[in-house]
C-alpha atoms as a PDB file:
ATOM      1  CA  UNK A   1      74.297  90.601  -0.763  1.00  0.00           C
ATOM      2  CA  UNK A   2      75.462  91.040   2.812  1.00  0.00           C
ATOM      3  CA  UNK A   3      72.755  90.860   5.473  1.00  0.00           C
ATOM      4  CA  UNK A   4      75.028  92.329   8.136  1.00  0.00           C
ATOM      5  CA  UNK A   5      73.357  94.704  10.582  1.00  0.00           C
ATOM      6  CA  UNK A   6      75.514  96.894  12.807  1.00  0.00           C
ATOM      7  CA  UNK A   7      75.108  99.416  15.634  1.00  0.00           C
ATOM      8  CA  UNK A   8      77.014 102.694  15.288  1.00  0.00           C
ATOM      9  CA  UNK A   9      76.840 106.509  15.643  1.00  0.00           C
ATOM     10  CA  UNK A  10      76.244 106.644  19.420  1.00  0.00           C
ATOM     11  CA  UNK A  11      75.095 109.727  21.311  1.00  0.00           C
ATOM     12  CA  UNK A  12      75.228 110.384  25.059  1.00  0.00           C
ATOM     13  CA  UNK A  13      73.207 112.203  27.705  1.00  0.00           C
ATOM     14  CA  UNK A  14      73.048 112.413  31.472  1.00  0.00           C
ATOM     15  CA  UNK A  15      69.505 111.841  32.726  1.00  0.00           C
ATOM     16  CA  UNK A  16      68.669 111.855  36.448  1.00  0.00           C
ATOM     17  CA  UNK A  17      72.300 110.994  37.227  1.00  0.00           C
ATOM     18  CA  UNK A  18      72.457 108.091  34.783  1.00  0.00           C
ATOM     19  CA  UNK A  19      74.471 108.033  31.558  1.00  0.00           C
ATOM     20  CA  UNK A  20      72.255 106.985  28.654  1.00  0.00           C
ATOM     21  CA  UNK A  21      73.305 106.164  25.104  1.00  0.00           C
ATOM     22  CA  UNK A  22      71.310 106.067  21.870  1.00  0.00           C
ATOM     23  CA  UNK A  23      72.606 104.651  18.601  1.00  0.00           C
ATOM     24  CA  UNK A  24      71.725 103.777  15.036  1.00  0.00           C
ATOM     25  CA  UNK A  25      71.171 100.161  13.971  1.00  0.00           C
ATOM     26  CA  UNK A  26      71.435  99.741  10.215  1.00  0.00           C
ATOM     27  CA  UNK A  27      71.857  97.288   7.354  1.00  0.00           C
ATOM     28  CA  UNK A  28      74.005  99.939   5.595  1.00  0.00           C
ATOM     29  CA  UNK A  29      77.585  99.418   6.722  1.00  0.00           C
ATOM     30  CA  UNK A  30      81.101 100.051   5.477  1.00  0.00           C
ATOM     31  CA  UNK A  31      82.699  97.330   7.604  1.00  0.00           C
ATOM     32  CA  UNK A  32      84.421  95.670   4.642  1.00  0.00           C
ATOM     33  CA  UNK A  33      84.199  98.254   1.853  1.00  0.00           C
ATOM     34  CA  UNK A  34      84.463 102.001   2.181  1.00  0.00           C
ATOM     35  CA  UNK A  35      82.619 102.923  -1.020  1.00  0.00           C
ATOM     36  CA  UNK A  36      78.892 102.142  -1.061  1.00  0.00           C
ATOM     37  CA  UNK A  37      77.236 101.923  -4.504  1.00  0.00           C
ATOM     38  CA  UNK A  38      73.988 103.728  -3.657  1.00  0.00           C
ATOM     39  CA  UNK A  39      72.829 103.534  -7.287  1.00  0.00           C
ATOM     40  CA  UNK A  40      72.034  99.880  -6.671  1.00  0.00           C
ATOM     41  CA  UNK A  41      69.679 100.950  -3.877  1.00  0.00           C
ATOM     42  CA  UNK A  42      68.150 103.766  -5.943  1.00  0.00           C
ATOM     43  CA  UNK A  43      67.400 101.396  -8.831  1.00  0.00           C
ATOM     44  CA  UNK A  44      65.873  98.702  -6.650  1.00  0.00           C
ATOM     45  CA  UNK A  45      68.609  96.194  -7.490  1.00  0.00           C
ATOM     46  CA  UNK A  46      69.264  95.924  -3.745  1.00  0.00           C
ATOM     47  CA  UNK A  47      66.521  95.797  -1.106  1.00  0.00           C
ATOM     48  CA  UNK A  48      65.934  98.954   0.957  1.00  0.00           C
ATOM     49  CA  UNK A  49      68.334  99.959   3.707  1.00  0.00           C
ATOM     50  CA  UNK A  50      66.749  99.226   7.083  1.00  0.00           C
ATOM     51  CA  UNK A  51      67.457 101.628   9.941  1.00  0.00           C
ATOM     52  CA  UNK A  52      66.285 101.313  13.520  1.00  0.00           C
ATOM     53  CA  UNK A  53      67.199 102.905  16.857  1.00  0.00           C
ATOM     54  CA  UNK A  54      68.757 101.467  19.984  1.00  0.00           C
ATOM     55  CA  UNK A  55      69.226 102.713  23.536  1.00  0.00           C
ATOM     56  CA  UNK A  56      71.323 101.510  26.462  1.00  0.00           C
ATOM     57  CA  UNK A  57      72.721 102.522  29.822  1.00  0.00           C
ATOM     58  CA  UNK A  58      76.443 103.172  30.067  1.00  0.00           C
ATOM     59  CA  UNK A  59      78.621 102.599  33.113  1.00  0.00           C
ATOM     60  CA  UNK A  60      80.545 105.898  33.470  1.00  0.00           C
ATOM     61  CA  UNK A  61      83.567 104.196  35.089  1.00  0.00           C
ATOM     62  CA  UNK A  62      84.100 101.158  32.866  1.00  0.00           C
ATOM     63  CA  UNK A  63      82.092 102.440  29.850  1.00  0.00           C
ATOM     64  CA  UNK A  64      80.439  99.016  29.790  1.00  0.00           C
ATOM     65  CA  UNK A  65      77.100  98.908  27.981  1.00  0.00           C
ATOM     66  CA  UNK A  66      74.159  97.403  29.854  1.00  0.00           C
ATOM     67  CA  UNK A  67      70.492  96.811  29.117  1.00  0.00           C
ATOM     68  CA  UNK A  68      70.866  97.586  25.421  1.00  0.00           C
ATOM     69  CA  UNK A  69      67.696  97.271  23.421  1.00  0.00           C
ATOM     70  CA  UNK A  70      66.105  98.154  20.110  1.00  0.00           C
ATOM     71  CA  UNK A  71      63.287 100.676  20.355  1.00  0.00           C
ATOM     72  CA  UNK A  72      59.804  99.479  19.521  1.00  0.00           C
ATOM     73  CA  UNK A  73      58.802 102.096  16.980  1.00  0.00           C
ATOM     74  CA  UNK A  74      57.214 102.099  13.537  1.00  0.00           C
ATOM     75  CA  UNK A  75      59.730 103.019  10.880  1.00  0.00           C
ATOM     76  CA  UNK A  76      59.016 105.632   8.191  1.00  0.00           C
ATOM     77  CA  UNK A  77      58.883 103.994   4.744  1.00  0.00           C
ATOM     78  CA  UNK A  78      58.245 107.025   2.521  1.00  0.00           C
ATOM     79  CA  UNK A  79      61.589 106.694   0.725  1.00  0.00           C
ATOM     80  CA  UNK A  80      61.574 103.556  -1.458  1.00  0.00           C
ATOM     81  CA  UNK A  81      65.230 102.666  -0.811  1.00  0.00           C
ATOM     82  CA  UNK A  82      65.872 103.722   2.827  1.00  0.00           C
ATOM     83  CA  UNK A  83      63.472 102.905   5.673  1.00  0.00           C
ATOM     84  CA  UNK A  84      63.508 104.058   9.281  1.00  0.00           C
ATOM     85  CA  UNK A  85      65.047 106.659  11.550  1.00  0.00           C
ATOM     86  CA  UNK A  86      68.776 107.424  11.506  1.00  0.00           C
ATOM     87  CA  UNK A  87      71.515 108.918  13.694  1.00  0.00           C
ATOM     88  CA  UNK A  88      69.745 109.763  16.977  1.00  0.00           C
ATOM     89  CA  UNK A  89      70.993 112.551  19.230  1.00  0.00           C
ATOM     90  CA  UNK A  90      69.776 111.914  22.759  1.00  0.00           C
ATOM     91  CA  UNK A  91      69.146 114.736  25.248  1.00  0.00           C
ATOM     92  CA  UNK A  92      67.538 115.352  28.610  1.00  0.00           C
ATOM     93  CA  UNK A  93      65.274 118.369  29.002  1.00  0.00           C
ATOM     94  CA  UNK A  94      62.722 119.427  31.593  1.00  0.00           C
ATOM     95  CA  UNK A  95      62.805 116.041  33.325  1.00  0.00           C
ATOM     96  CA  UNK A  96      62.260 113.956  30.177  1.00  0.00           C
ATOM     97  CA  UNK A  97      64.484 112.133  27.723  1.00  0.00           C
ATOM     98  CA  UNK A  98      64.280 112.761  23.977  1.00  0.00           C
ATOM     99  CA  UNK A  99      65.855 111.786  20.679  1.00  0.00           C
ATOM    100  CA  UNK A 100      66.138 114.021  17.643  1.00  0.00           C
ATOM    101  CA  UNK A 101      66.342 111.788  14.576  1.00  0.00           C
ATOM    102  CA  UNK A 102      66.196 112.060  10.803  1.00  0.00           C
ATOM    103  CA  UNK A 103      64.716 110.006   7.983  1.00  0.00           C
ATOM    104  CA  UNK A 104      64.241 110.342   4.228  1.00  0.00           C
ATOM    105  CA  UNK A 105      60.812 111.422   2.978  1.00  0.00           C
ATOM    106  CA  UNK A 106      59.141 110.567  -0.327  1.00  0.00           C
ATOM    107  CA  UNK A 107      61.337 113.154  -2.089  1.00  0.00           C
ATOM    108  CA  UNK A 108      64.447 111.432  -0.627  1.00  0.00           C
ATOM    109  CA  UNK A 109      65.045 114.560   1.495  1.00  0.00           C
ATOM    110  CA  UNK A 110      66.155 114.218   5.127  1.00  0.00           C
ATOM    111  CA  UNK A 111      63.560 115.520   7.586  1.00  0.00           C
ATOM    112  CA  UNK A 112      63.523 115.505  11.390  1.00  0.00           C
ATOM    113  CA  UNK A 113      61.419 114.131  14.203  1.00  0.00           C
ATOM    114  CA  UNK A 114      61.762 114.420  17.973  1.00  0.00           C
ATOM    115  CA  UNK A 115      60.885 111.266  19.924  1.00  0.00           C
ATOM    116  CA  UNK A 116      60.012 111.441  23.612  1.00  0.00           C
ATOM    117  CA  UNK A 117      60.951 108.389  25.707  1.00  0.00           C
ATOM    118  CA  UNK A 118      59.106 107.228  28.810  1.00  0.00           C
ATOM    119  CA  UNK A 119      60.726 106.054  32.058  1.00  0.00           C
ATOM    120  CA  UNK A 120      61.324 102.618  30.511  1.00  0.00           C
ATOM    121  CA  UNK A 121      63.107 104.221  27.523  1.00  0.00           C
ATOM    122  CA  UNK A 122      60.259 103.390  25.169  1.00  0.00           C
ATOM    123  CA  UNK A 123      58.809 105.925  22.676  1.00  0.00           C
ATOM    124  CA  UNK A 124      55.695 107.657  23.955  1.00  0.00           C
ATOM    125  CA  UNK A 125      55.415 110.663  21.609  1.00  0.00           C
ATOM    126  CA  UNK A 126      56.713 111.593  18.157  1.00  0.00           C
ATOM    127  CA  UNK A 127      56.927 115.245  17.087  1.00  0.00           C
ATOM    128  CA  UNK A 128      57.334 115.911  13.365  1.00  0.00           C
ATOM    129  CA  UNK A 129      59.669 118.905  12.962  1.00  0.00           C
ATOM    130  CA  UNK A 130      58.783 121.445  10.258  1.00  0.00           C
ATOM    131  CA  UNK A 131      61.194 124.311   9.595  1.00  0.00           C
ATOM    132  CA  UNK A 132      60.102 127.840   8.712  1.00  0.00           C
ATOM    133  CA  UNK A 133      63.419 128.253   6.842  1.00  0.00           C
ATOM    134  CA  UNK A 134      65.219 126.331   4.064  1.00  0.00           C
ATOM    135  CA  UNK A 135      61.933 124.727   3.035  1.00  0.00           C
ATOM    136  CA  UNK A 136      62.461 121.446   1.185  1.00  0.00           C
ATOM    137  CA  UNK A 137      66.169 121.188   2.011  1.00  0.00           C
ATOM    138  CA  UNK A 138      67.928 118.425   3.928  1.00  0.00           C
ATOM    139  CA  UNK A 139      67.754 118.751   7.699  1.00  0.00           C
ATOM    140  CA  UNK A 140      70.124 116.425   9.532  1.00  0.00           C
ATOM    141  CA  UNK A 141      72.709 116.336  12.337  1.00  0.00           C
ATOM    142  CA  UNK A 142      71.066 118.961  14.540  1.00  0.00           C
ATOM    143  CA  UNK A 143      72.553 119.052  18.032  1.00  0.00           C
ATOM    144  CA  UNK A 144      70.870 120.377  21.189  1.00  0.00           C
ATOM    145  CA  UNK A 145      72.138 122.580  23.990  1.00  0.00           C
ATOM    146  CA  UNK A 146      70.488 124.168  27.011  1.00  0.00           C
ATOM    147  CA  UNK A 147      70.736 127.920  27.503  1.00  0.00           C
ATOM    148  CA  UNK A 148      68.991 129.672  30.410  1.00  0.00           C
ATOM    149  CA  UNK A 149      66.699 126.649  30.845  1.00  0.00           C
ATOM    150  CA  UNK A 150      65.682 126.877  27.158  1.00  0.00           C
ATOM    151  CA  UNK A 151      66.314 124.107  24.659  1.00  0.00           C
ATOM    152  CA  UNK A 152      68.037 125.227  21.464  1.00  0.00           C
ATOM    153  CA  UNK A 153      69.505 123.387  18.493  1.00  0.00           C
ATOM    154  CA  UNK A 154      72.414 124.087  16.179  1.00  0.00           C
ATOM    155  CA  UNK A 155      71.329 123.222  12.645  1.00  0.00           C
ATOM    156  CA  UNK A 156      74.428 124.464  10.811  1.00  0.00           C
ATOM    157  CA  UNK A 157      78.071 125.020  11.758  1.00  0.00           C
ATOM    158  CA  UNK A 158      79.092 127.594   9.122  1.00  0.00           C
ATOM    159  CA  UNK A 159      77.085 129.771   9.160  1.00  0.00           C
ATOM    160  CA  UNK A 160      76.331 129.119  12.815  1.00  0.00           C
ATOM    161  CA  UNK A 161      72.558 128.706  13.004  1.00  0.00           C
ATOM    162  CA  UNK A 162      70.550 128.512  16.213  1.00  0.00           C
ATOM    163  CA  UNK A 163      67.033 127.077  16.102  1.00  0.00           C
ATOM    164  CA  UNK A 164      64.174 126.650  18.563  1.00  0.00           C
ATOM    165  CA  UNK A 165      61.449 124.010  18.233  1.00  0.00           C
ATOM    166  CA  UNK A 166      57.891 124.325  19.517  1.00  0.00           C
ATOM    167  CA  UNK A 167      57.151 120.898  21.026  1.00  0.00           C
ATOM    168  CA  UNK A 168      53.385 121.427  20.650  1.00  0.00           C
ATOM    169  CA  UNK A 169      53.399 122.146  16.915  1.00  0.00           C
ATOM    170  CA  UNK A 170      56.814 120.894  15.783  1.00  0.00           C
ATOM    171  CA  UNK A 171      57.527 124.263  14.157  1.00  0.00           C
ATOM    172  CA  UNK A 172      61.268 125.029  14.044  1.00  0.00           C
ATOM    173  CA  UNK A 173      62.215 128.713  13.991  1.00  0.00           C
ATOM    174  CA  UNK A 174      65.595 130.155  13.042  1.00  0.00           C
ATOM    175  CA  UNK A 175      66.695 132.490  15.847  1.00  0.00           C
ATOM    176  CA  UNK A 176      70.275 133.387  14.885  1.00  0.00           C
ATOM    177  CA  UNK A 177      72.231 133.022  11.644  1.00  0.00           C
ATOM    178  CA  UNK A 178      75.799 134.198  12.199  1.00  0.00           C
ATOM    179  CA  UNK A 179      78.608 134.161   9.679  1.00  0.00           C
ATOM    180  CA  UNK A 180      81.930 132.957  11.027  1.00  0.00           C
ATOM    181  CA  UNK A 181      85.475 133.198   9.732  1.00  0.00           C
ATOM    182  CA  UNK A 182      86.710 130.466  12.061  1.00  0.00           C
ATOM    183  CA  UNK A 183      86.291 127.766   9.417  1.00  0.00           C
ATOM    184  CA  UNK A 184      87.198 129.790   6.296  1.00  0.00           C
ATOM    185  CA  UNK A 185      90.523 128.044   5.667  1.00  0.00           C
ATOM    186  CA  UNK A 186      88.821 124.668   5.806  1.00  0.00           C
ATOM    187  CA  UNK A 187      85.831 125.490   3.615  1.00  0.00           C
ATOM    188  CA  UNK A 188      87.857 125.470   0.397  1.00  0.00           C
ATOM    189  CA  UNK A 189      88.365 121.748   0.805  1.00  0.00           C
ATOM    190  CA  UNK A 190      85.740 120.579   3.273  1.00  0.00           C
ATOM    191  CA  UNK A 191      82.083 120.840   4.161  1.00  0.00           C
ATOM    192  CA  UNK A 192      81.346 121.447   7.855  1.00  0.00           C
ATOM    193  CA  UNK A 193      78.692 119.251   9.449  1.00  0.00           C
ATOM    194  CA  UNK A 194      77.164 118.786  12.867  1.00  0.00           C
ATOM    195  CA  UNK A 195      78.676 116.157  15.104  1.00  0.00           C
ATOM    196  CA  UNK A 196      78.384 115.649  18.848  1.00  0.00           C
ATOM    197  CA  UNK A 197      76.455 117.684  21.399  1.00  0.00           C
ATOM    198  CA  UNK A 198      77.734 120.506  23.616  1.00  0.00           C
ATOM    199  CA  UNK A 199      78.954 121.057  27.167  1.00  0.00           C
ATOM    200  CA  UNK A 200      79.102 124.366  29.011  1.00  0.00           C
ATOM    201  CA  UNK A 201      82.588 125.717  29.791  1.00  0.00           C
ATOM    202  CA  UNK A 202      82.322 128.990  31.758  1.00  0.00           C
ATOM    203  CA  UNK A 203      81.216 131.646  29.247  1.00  0.00           C
ATOM    204  CA  UNK A 204      81.410 129.300  26.243  1.00  0.00           C
ATOM    205  CA  UNK A 205      79.989 126.056  24.933  1.00  0.00           C
ATOM    206  CA  UNK A 206      82.363 123.371  23.686  1.00  0.00           C
ATOM    207  CA  UNK A 207      81.436 120.925  20.949  1.00  0.00           C
ATOM    208  CA  UNK A 208      82.894 118.588  18.344  1.00  0.00           C
ATOM    209  CA  UNK A 209      81.759 118.858  14.725  1.00  0.00           C
ATOM    210  CA  UNK A 210      83.231 117.213  11.619  1.00  0.00           C
ATOM    211  CA  UNK A 211      84.790 118.133   8.329  1.00  0.00           C
ATOM    212  CA  UNK A 212      83.751 116.270   5.175  1.00  0.00           C
ATOM    213  CA  UNK A 213      86.131 116.181   2.212  1.00  0.00           C
ATOM    214  CA  UNK A 214      84.498 117.570  -0.937  1.00  0.00           C
ATOM    215  CA  UNK A 215      84.359 114.708  -3.460  1.00  0.00           C
ATOM    216  CA  UNK A 216      82.524 113.653  -6.592  1.00  0.00           C
ATOM    217  CA  UNK A 217      79.294 112.134  -5.195  1.00  0.00           C
ATOM    218  CA  UNK A 218      79.818 109.022  -7.349  1.00  0.00           C
ATOM    219  CA  UNK A 219      83.113 108.350  -5.560  1.00  0.00           C
ATOM    220  CA  UNK A 220      82.232 109.593  -2.098  1.00  0.00           C
ATOM    221  CA  UNK A 221      84.141 107.619   0.529  1.00  0.00           C
ATOM    222  CA  UNK A 222      83.067 109.807   3.478  1.00  0.00           C
ATOM    223  CA  UNK A 223      86.452 111.260   4.402  1.00  0.00           C
ATOM    224  CA  UNK A 224      85.567 112.698   7.814  1.00  0.00           C
ATOM    225  CA  UNK A 225      87.717 114.387  10.457  1.00  0.00           C
ATOM    226  CA  UNK A 226      86.791 115.740  13.901  1.00  0.00           C
ATOM    227  CA  UNK A 227      87.004 119.429  14.844  1.00  0.00           C
ATOM    228  CA  UNK A 228      86.571 120.804  18.362  1.00  0.00           C
ATOM    229  CA  UNK A 229      85.127 124.321  18.540  1.00  0.00           C
ATOM    230  CA  UNK A 230      83.696 126.826  21.003  1.00  0.00           C
ATOM    231  CA  UNK A 231      81.010 129.478  20.804  1.00  0.00           C
ATOM    232  CA  UNK A 232      79.776 132.260  23.093  1.00  0.00           C
ATOM    233  CA  UNK A 233      77.253 131.271  25.750  1.00  0.00           C
ATOM    234  CA  UNK A 234      75.075 134.270  24.893  1.00  0.00           C
ATOM    235  CA  UNK A 235      73.077 135.307  21.830  1.00  0.00           C
ATOM    236  CA  UNK A 236      73.812 135.228  18.953  1.00  0.00           C
ATOM    237  CA  UNK A 237      76.154 132.380  20.033  1.00  0.00           C
ATOM    238  CA  UNK A 238      79.062 133.327  17.784  1.00  0.00           C
ATOM    239  CA  UNK A 239      81.886 130.876  17.107  1.00  0.00           C
ATOM    240  CA  UNK A 240      85.089 132.060  18.791  1.00  0.00           C
ATOM    241  CA  UNK A 241      87.632 129.345  18.013  1.00  0.00           C
ATOM    242  CA  UNK A 242      88.336 125.869  16.686  1.00  0.00           C
ATOM    243  CA  UNK A 243      90.976 123.153  16.617  1.00  0.00           C
ATOM    244  CA  UNK A 244      92.679 121.707  13.587  1.00  0.00           C
ATOM    245  CA  UNK A 245      90.953 118.607  12.139  1.00  0.00           C
ATOM    246  CA  UNK A 246      91.988 115.354  13.818  1.00  0.00           C
ATOM    247  CA  UNK A 247      91.263 111.638  14.166  1.00  0.00           C
ATOM    248  CA  UNK A 248      91.128 109.509  17.285  1.00  0.00           C
ATOM    249  CA  UNK A 249      93.863 106.857  17.393  1.00  0.00           C
ATOM    250  CA  UNK A 250      97.044 105.930  15.553  1.00  0.00           C
ATOM    251  CA  UNK A 251      96.927 104.085  12.244  1.00  0.00           C
ATOM    252  CA  UNK A 252     100.547 103.193  11.478  1.00  0.00           C
ATOM    253  CA  UNK A 253     100.576 104.525   7.932  1.00  0.00           C
ATOM    254  CA  UNK A 254      97.179 103.014   7.085  1.00  0.00           C
ATOM    255  CA  UNK A 255      94.351 105.193   5.827  1.00  0.00           C
ATOM    256  CA  UNK A 256      92.391 106.541   8.807  1.00  0.00           C
ATOM    257  CA  UNK A 257      88.876 105.163   9.271  1.00  0.00           C
ATOM    258  CA  UNK A 258      85.636 107.081   8.823  1.00  0.00           C
ATOM    259  CA  UNK A 259      84.961 108.657  12.228  1.00  0.00           C
ATOM    260  CA  UNK A 260      81.650 110.435  12.728  1.00  0.00           C
ATOM    261  CA  UNK A 261      81.395 112.138  16.128  1.00  0.00           C
ATOM    262  CA  UNK A 262      77.835 111.902  17.415  1.00  0.00           C
ATOM    263  CA  UNK A 263      77.977 112.127  21.205  1.00  0.00           C
ATOM    264  CA  UNK A 264      79.529 114.246  23.956  1.00  0.00           C
ATOM    265  CA  UNK A 265      79.152 114.167  27.741  1.00  0.00           C
ATOM    266  CA  UNK A 266      81.173 115.524  30.643  1.00  0.00           C
ATOM    267  CA  UNK A 267      82.439 113.204  33.374  1.00  0.00           C
ATOM    268  CA  UNK A 268      84.145 115.153  36.163  1.00  0.00           C
ATOM    269  CA  UNK A 269      87.120 116.874  34.479  1.00  0.00           C
ATOM    270  CA  UNK A 270      86.992 114.601  31.439  1.00  0.00           C
ATOM    271  CA  UNK A 271      84.924 114.404  28.289  1.00  0.00           C
ATOM    272  CA  UNK A 272      83.373 111.298  26.812  1.00  0.00           C
ATOM    273  CA  UNK A 273      83.327 111.622  23.022  1.00  0.00           C
ATOM    274  CA  UNK A 274      81.265 109.024  21.182  1.00  0.00           C
ATOM    275  CA  UNK A 275      81.611 108.282  17.497  1.00  0.00           C
ATOM    276  CA  UNK A 276      80.753 105.774  14.809  1.00  0.00           C
ATOM    277  CA  UNK A 277      83.622 104.195  12.905  1.00  0.00           C
ATOM    278  CA  UNK A 278      83.242 103.029   9.293  1.00  0.00           C
ATOM    279  CA  UNK A 279      79.457 102.841   9.707  1.00  0.00           C
ATOM    280  CA  UNK A 280      80.296  99.606  11.504  1.00  0.00           C
ATOM    281  CA  UNK A 281      81.221 100.144  15.165  1.00  0.00           C
ATOM    282  CA  UNK A 282      80.379 102.475  18.019  1.00  0.00           C
ATOM    283  CA  UNK A 283      83.294 103.785  20.070  1.00  0.00           C
ATOM    284  CA  UNK A 284      83.853 106.151  22.991  1.00  0.00           C
ATOM    285  CA  UNK A 285      87.054 107.933  23.985  1.00  0.00           C
ATOM    286  CA  UNK A 286      87.725 109.592  27.331  1.00  0.00           C
ATOM    287  CA  UNK A 287      89.875 112.707  27.192  1.00  0.00           C
ATOM    288  CA  UNK A 288      90.673 115.499  29.686  1.00  0.00           C
ATOM    289  CA  UNK A 289      88.516 118.500  28.903  1.00  0.00           C
ATOM    290  CA  UNK A 290      91.477 120.859  29.288  1.00  0.00           C
ATOM    291  CA  UNK A 291      93.405 118.914  26.657  1.00  0.00           C
ATOM    292  CA  UNK A 292      90.650 119.439  24.097  1.00  0.00           C
ATOM    293  CA  UNK A 293      90.260 123.113  25.029  1.00  0.00           C
ATOM    294  CA  UNK A 294      94.030 123.608  24.662  1.00  0.00           C
ATOM    295  CA  UNK A 295      93.791 122.503  21.012  1.00  0.00           C
ATOM    296  CA  UNK A 296      91.397 125.345  20.186  1.00  0.00           C
ATOM    297  CA  UNK A 297      92.747 128.608  18.774  1.00  0.00           C
END
């Protein structure tokens, strides 16, 4: 058995003028083999997957990582084959820095928590999120955005679902549930999943989600592609356009890697788009914002 542990699926946020990154650290990787035999984890043949969280500062000019560290936090162990928090999305709100993370409960279902970080980027409060909708269903890949000084989350791409969370009780309430035809042509072949965060562009928000090829779960190789899309910056936040699916990079006839977009931040007229590749590496691309907007129809 491989004991490799890798950092991947980075997210980005500006906080008090500093660019901060959060990422997943996990013993589950696809560095050498795309298909993971999860049955061996389910049966106990392999030891549990161990997931932890990391944070770092990011130089916005060179994109060099500095002061990276693993968070000191107790990991959930309710699921017998997968321990710990996964896939953090970092965000700054009302002067504080937070992560929204997921983990598997005793029923193997993904549930959410929000973790508040102190000034030293250490956890100081954990809020268990409980939805008043889709009870007992997976909740994962929520992404935050700020509207009129209110914090909202997108829990689903199609339909486009907008959620608020009470930080005192953890109760998540569905505010808007809007059908969209923007992704109809893709939905015959793909699932649509949350990806990176959002940036404001005049009267719209711009984000990057992902398509997931529909496959037999026993042979799931996580065929992901990125999709840029925009939605109205006013309730009910309807989707108004999207790009065609794409990958970052050129592969010279080789099969493209698994690219899971998990972070988005604006830097002057450019966008920093962060993604995990093959559940093995964390990567960031810098692209002119206008170039990404021009791809949206």
